[in-house]
N, C-alpha and C. Protein backbone atom coordinates (compact mmCIF):
# COMPACT_ATOMS: atom_id res chain seq x y z
N MET A 1 114.38 123.76 99.81
CA MET A 1 114.10 122.44 100.61
C MET A 1 114.18 120.74 100.12
N PHE A 2 114.52 119.98 101.00
CA PHE A 2 114.52 118.73 100.77
C PHE A 2 113.48 117.68 101.56
N TYR A 3 113.30 116.50 100.65
CA TYR A 3 113.10 115.74 100.95
C TYR A 3 113.22 114.34 100.49
N ASP A 4 112.97 113.03 101.03
CA ASP A 4 113.12 112.34 100.72
C ASP A 4 111.49 111.47 99.38
N GLU A 5 112.20 111.15 98.40
CA GLU A 5 111.30 111.06 97.98
C GLU A 5 110.39 109.12 98.13
N PRO A 6 109.59 108.16 98.01
CA PRO A 6 108.96 107.73 98.63
C PRO A 6 109.36 106.36 97.29
N SER A 7 109.82 105.70 98.36
CA SER A 7 109.88 104.31 97.23
C SER A 7 108.85 103.57 96.95
N GLU A 8 108.82 102.94 96.18
CA GLU A 8 107.54 101.99 95.28
C GLU A 8 106.57 101.80 95.60
N SER A 9 107.46 100.95 97.69
CA SER A 9 107.05 100.10 98.36
C SER A 9 105.75 100.94 99.17
N ASP A 10 106.63 102.78 99.53
CA ASP A 10 106.13 103.39 100.50
C ASP A 10 104.43 104.04 99.39
N ARG A 11 104.66 104.10 98.15
CA ARG A 11 104.15 104.45 97.37
C ARG A 11 102.37 103.83 97.43
N TYR A 12 103.02 102.49 97.05
CA TYR A 12 102.11 101.93 97.34
C TYR A 12 101.26 101.32 98.61
N GLU A 13 101.76 101.23 99.66
CA GLU A 13 101.04 101.25 100.58
C GLU A 13 100.08 102.23 101.27
N MET A 14 100.68 103.66 100.79
CA MET A 14 99.81 104.88 101.00
C MET A 14 98.57 104.82 99.61
N ILE A 15 99.00 104.12 98.38
CA ILE A 15 97.86 104.43 97.92
C ILE A 15 96.49 103.47 98.10
N ARG A 16 97.10 102.33 98.68
CA ARG A 16 96.03 100.94 99.52
C ARG A 16 95.25 101.49 100.18
N THR A 17 96.03 101.47 101.20
CA THR A 17 95.16 102.61 102.13
C THR A 17 94.48 103.26 102.38
N TYR A 18 94.69 103.72 101.23
CA TYR A 18 93.81 105.17 101.14
C TYR A 18 92.01 104.63 100.28
N PHE A 19 92.58 103.94 99.31
CA PHE A 19 91.42 103.29 98.30
C PHE A 19 90.69 102.05 99.01
N GLN A 20 91.39 101.36 100.06
CA GLN A 20 90.74 100.33 100.53
C GLN A 20 89.16 101.30 102.23
N MET A 21 89.94 102.76 102.44
CA MET A 21 89.61 103.75 102.88
C MET A 21 88.13 103.99 102.41
N LEU A 22 88.49 104.18 101.05
CA LEU A 22 87.33 105.01 100.25
C LEU A 22 86.51 103.81 99.93
N ILE A 23 87.06 102.72 99.81
CA ILE A 23 85.86 101.29 99.38
C ILE A 23 84.78 101.49 100.83
N GLU A 24 85.25 100.92 101.99
CA GLU A 24 85.45 100.78 103.07
C GLU A 24 84.00 101.54 103.91
N GLU A 25 84.32 103.52 103.38
CA GLU A 25 83.70 104.58 103.25
C GLU A 25 81.86 104.18 102.49
N GLU A 26 82.35 103.82 101.32
CA GLU A 26 81.36 103.63 100.27
C GLU A 26 80.70 104.87 99.78
N LEU A 27 81.76 105.95 100.24
CA LEU A 27 81.47 107.10 99.10
C LEU A 27 80.85 107.05 97.62
N PRO A 28 79.77 107.92 97.06
CA PRO A 28 79.92 108.13 96.00
C PRO A 28 80.76 108.16 94.78
N ASP A 29 81.43 109.23 95.16
CA ASP A 29 82.45 110.10 94.39
C ASP A 29 84.18 108.90 94.93
N ALA A 30 83.94 107.62 95.13
CA ALA A 30 85.14 107.05 95.65
C ALA A 30 85.96 106.89 94.32
N THR A 31 85.02 106.47 93.35
CA THR A 31 85.93 105.78 91.77
C THR A 31 86.26 107.47 91.25
N GLY A 32 85.98 108.63 91.44
CA GLY A 32 87.02 109.84 90.88
C GLY A 32 87.93 110.01 92.08
N LYS A 33 87.75 109.87 92.90
CA LYS A 33 88.66 110.08 93.59
C LYS A 33 89.87 109.46 93.94
N MET A 34 89.57 108.20 93.75
CA MET A 34 90.58 107.30 93.32
C MET A 34 91.38 107.54 92.08
N LYS A 35 90.48 107.71 90.93
CA LYS A 35 91.00 108.64 89.80
C LYS A 35 91.85 109.38 90.03
N GLN A 36 91.87 110.51 90.76
CA GLN A 36 92.40 111.08 90.94
C GLN A 36 93.66 111.30 91.32
N PHE A 37 93.37 110.62 92.31
CA PHE A 37 94.87 110.13 93.51
C PHE A 37 95.69 108.99 92.79
N ALA A 38 95.24 108.82 91.93
CA ALA A 38 96.53 107.74 91.32
C ALA A 38 97.06 107.86 90.49
N SER A 39 96.53 109.65 90.03
CA SER A 39 97.23 110.19 88.55
C SER A 39 98.76 110.85 90.02
N TRP A 40 98.67 111.06 90.89
CA TRP A 40 98.91 112.04 91.59
C TRP A 40 100.31 110.84 91.85
N PHE A 41 99.96 109.92 92.32
CA PHE A 41 101.14 109.15 93.20
C PHE A 41 101.79 107.85 92.08
N THR A 42 101.35 108.07 91.04
CA THR A 42 101.82 106.91 89.81
C THR A 42 102.61 108.06 88.91
N HIS A 43 102.55 109.19 89.03
CA HIS A 43 103.76 109.98 88.79
C HIS A 43 105.06 109.55 88.64
N GLY A 44 105.77 109.42 87.27
CA GLY A 44 107.17 109.16 87.77
C GLY A 44 107.73 107.97 87.58
N VAL A 45 106.85 106.94 88.14
CA VAL A 45 106.99 105.37 88.68
C VAL A 45 106.95 105.21 86.97
N PRO A 46 107.61 104.64 87.03
CA PRO A 46 108.39 103.42 85.62
C PRO A 46 106.72 102.09 85.19
N GLY A 47 106.49 102.98 84.20
CA GLY A 47 104.56 101.85 83.91
C GLY A 47 103.56 102.69 84.34
N GLY A 48 103.37 103.84 85.33
CA GLY A 48 102.95 104.24 85.82
C GLY A 48 101.76 105.34 84.43
N ALA A 49 102.43 105.51 83.38
CA ALA A 49 101.01 105.75 82.04
C ALA A 49 99.74 104.32 81.64
N SER A 50 100.54 103.31 82.18
CA SER A 50 99.83 102.11 81.51
C SER A 50 98.64 101.77 82.97
N LEU A 51 99.21 102.17 83.95
CA LEU A 51 98.68 101.62 85.19
C LEU A 51 97.26 103.29 84.80
N ARG A 52 97.48 103.74 84.68
CA ARG A 52 96.59 105.22 84.69
C ARG A 52 95.72 105.08 83.35
N LYS A 53 96.10 104.79 82.58
CA LYS A 53 95.30 104.18 81.21
C LYS A 53 94.30 103.44 82.05
N GLU A 54 94.85 101.92 82.28
CA GLU A 54 93.85 101.17 83.10
C GLU A 54 92.99 101.35 84.22
N ILE A 55 93.66 102.52 84.91
CA ILE A 55 92.57 103.10 85.86
C ILE A 55 91.39 103.70 85.95
N TYR A 56 91.84 104.33 84.46
CA TYR A 56 90.33 105.69 83.98
C TYR A 56 89.46 104.26 82.84
N ASP A 57 90.00 102.90 82.62
CA ASP A 57 89.32 102.49 82.20
C ASP A 57 88.53 101.55 82.89
N SER A 58 88.64 101.69 84.59
CA SER A 58 87.73 101.39 85.25
C SER A 58 86.48 101.08 85.48
N LYS A 59 85.77 100.63 86.12
CA LYS A 59 84.35 101.39 86.20
C LYS A 59 83.91 101.44 88.23
N THR A 60 85.06 100.76 88.70
CA THR A 60 84.62 100.51 90.25
C THR A 60 85.32 100.82 91.58
N ALA A 61 85.44 100.74 92.58
CA ALA A 61 86.64 100.95 92.76
C ALA A 61 86.94 99.79 93.08
N PRO A 62 86.28 98.74 93.52
CA PRO A 62 87.25 97.28 93.76
C PRO A 62 88.16 96.93 92.52
N GLU A 63 87.73 97.75 91.68
CA GLU A 63 88.37 96.95 89.89
C GLU A 63 89.72 97.83 90.13
N ILE A 64 89.44 99.62 90.52
CA ILE A 64 90.87 100.16 90.64
C ILE A 64 91.91 100.25 91.65
N LEU A 65 91.16 99.05 92.58
CA LEU A 65 92.10 99.12 94.05
C LEU A 65 92.75 97.39 93.32
N ALA A 66 92.07 96.74 92.75
CA ALA A 66 92.65 95.68 92.15
C ALA A 66 93.90 95.90 91.26
N ARG A 67 93.32 96.58 90.23
CA ARG A 67 94.88 97.10 89.45
C ARG A 67 95.86 97.41 89.82
N VAL A 68 95.88 98.08 90.82
CA VAL A 68 96.97 99.30 91.72
C VAL A 68 97.38 97.62 92.15
N GLU A 69 96.92 97.23 92.56
CA GLU A 69 97.74 96.09 93.48
C GLU A 69 98.56 95.40 92.50
N ASN A 70 97.43 94.48 91.70
CA ASN A 70 98.20 93.65 90.20
C ASN A 70 99.78 94.32 89.68
N PHE A 71 99.27 96.36 89.91
CA PHE A 71 100.80 96.74 89.34
C PHE A 71 102.00 96.44 89.68
N PHE A 72 101.44 97.23 91.65
CA PHE A 72 102.63 97.38 92.13
C PHE A 72 103.37 95.74 92.87
N GLU A 73 102.39 94.61 93.05
CA GLU A 73 103.02 93.48 93.76
C GLU A 73 103.83 93.27 93.16
N ALA A 74 103.13 93.38 91.06
CA ALA A 74 104.08 92.48 90.19
C ALA A 74 105.72 93.42 90.33
N ARG A 75 105.85 94.81 90.45
CA ARG A 75 107.11 95.33 90.15
C ARG A 75 108.02 95.23 91.21
N LEU A 76 107.22 95.50 92.43
CA LEU A 76 107.70 95.11 93.82
C LEU A 76 108.31 93.97 94.04
N ALA A 77 108.03 92.64 93.35
CA ALA A 77 108.14 91.32 93.45
C ALA A 77 109.67 90.80 92.47
N VAL A 78 109.50 92.11 90.98
CA VAL A 78 110.92 91.75 90.31
C VAL A 78 111.99 92.57 90.74
N GLN A 79 111.70 93.59 91.96
CA GLN A 79 112.88 94.59 92.11
C GLN A 79 113.32 93.14 93.53
N SER A 80 112.73 93.18 94.11
CA SER A 80 113.07 92.34 95.92
C SER A 80 112.28 90.73 95.04
N PRO A 81 113.47 89.99 94.43
CA PRO A 81 112.48 88.27 94.38
C PRO A 81 113.19 88.21 96.21
N ALA A 82 112.71 87.30 95.66
CA ALA A 82 112.76 86.01 97.27
C ALA A 82 113.87 85.09 97.38
N VAL A 83 114.37 85.44 98.47
CA VAL A 83 115.66 84.81 98.40
C VAL A 83 115.74 83.45 98.73
N LEU A 84 116.23 82.41 98.37
CA LEU A 84 116.26 81.03 98.24
C LEU A 84 117.11 80.58 99.41
N ILE A 85 116.99 79.90 100.61
CA ILE A 85 117.61 79.36 101.38
C ILE A 85 117.81 78.03 101.27
N GLU A 86 119.04 78.04 101.42
CA GLU A 86 119.15 76.39 101.08
C GLU A 86 119.63 75.71 102.63
N GLY A 87 118.58 74.44 102.75
CA GLY A 87 119.04 73.82 103.27
C GLY A 87 119.96 72.22 103.89
């Protein structure tokens, strides 16, 4: 069975949406769920090991979300730099 591997943008949207929901729900085990989910969704992503280490060193759910956002936004900015339009 074949499937399309999610793009980094897809991974980012999924993980960010899930983490935001966990934070909004104020679940007592949110940080544990985020750490587990991050290991699944960053497997195979270049630089993912360093992100996983940063996540496991994090103490709060908002800190984990911030690290994920910083990581993926930096990667996506490099992959698709802004196009300058001459006027």
